[in-house]
């Protein structure tokens, strides 16, 4: 299930990005989907999300 997928299983998400997202309350792929790029950017100061690749691409 999507909520069980770890953030670091996504291409382009390493330990630093995983830590920033986790500190902002984003702990899995479902959290990433639900929150969306605007909320994530405002909470994490991560300015680029375009390097994160969806599964199978």
Protein backbone atom coordinates (compact mmCIF):
# COMPACT_ATOMS: atom_id res chain seq x y z
CA UNK A 1 0.00 0.00 0.00
CA UNK A 2 1.12 3.55 -0.69
CA UNK A 3 1.08 4.56 2.98
CA UNK A 4 3.61 1.80 3.71
CA UNK A 5 6.13 3.00 1.12
CA UNK A 6 9.14 4.73 2.61
CA UNK A 7 10.20 8.12 1.31
CA UNK A 8 13.72 6.93 0.63
CA UNK A 9 12.34 4.33 -1.77
CA UNK A 10 11.67 7.20 -4.21
CA UNK A 11 14.41 8.00 -6.69
CA UNK A 12 15.96 11.34 -5.76
CA UNK A 13 15.09 11.16 -2.06
CA UNK A 14 18.16 10.60 0.09
CA UNK A 15 18.80 10.78 3.82
CA UNK A 16 18.86 14.58 4.03
CA UNK A 17 15.55 15.04 2.21
CA UNK A 18 14.00 12.17 4.18
CA UNK A 19 15.04 13.85 7.45
CA UNK A 20 13.66 17.25 6.38
CA UNK A 21 10.36 15.71 5.33
CA UNK A 22 10.14 13.63 8.50
CA UNK A 23 10.79 16.70 10.66
CA UNK A 24 7.86 18.36 8.85
CA UNK A 25 5.54 15.41 9.58
CA UNK A 26 5.86 13.70 6.20
CA UNK A 27 6.74 10.10 7.03
CA UNK A 28 5.66 8.09 3.98
CA UNK A 29 4.53 8.43 0.38
CA UNK A 30 0.87 8.92 1.34
CA UNK A 31 1.83 11.89 3.53
CA UNK A 32 3.76 13.29 0.54
CA UNK A 33 0.73 12.91 -1.73
CA UNK A 34 -1.78 14.35 0.74
CA UNK A 35 0.27 17.39 1.72
CA UNK A 36 1.32 18.40 -1.79
CA UNK A 37 4.23 20.54 -2.96
CA UNK A 38 3.09 23.93 -1.62
CA UNK A 39 2.64 22.73 1.96
CA UNK A 40 5.83 20.68 1.87
CA UNK A 41 7.84 23.63 0.56
CA UNK A 42 6.49 25.94 3.27
CA UNK A 43 7.24 23.48 6.09
CA UNK A 44 10.62 22.15 4.94
CA UNK A 45 12.22 24.95 2.91
CA UNK A 46 12.84 22.32 0.21
CA UNK A 47 12.54 24.39 -2.94
CA UNK A 48 12.87 21.68 -5.60
CA UNK A 49 10.65 18.63 -5.78
CA UNK A 50 11.05 18.04 -9.52
CA UNK A 51 13.96 15.65 -8.99
CA UNK A 52 11.71 13.14 -7.20
CA UNK A 53 10.56 10.55 -9.69
CA UNK A 54 7.23 8.72 -9.48
CA UNK A 55 7.34 4.92 -9.37
CA UNK A 56 7.91 3.21 -12.69
CA UNK A 57 9.12 6.30 -14.55
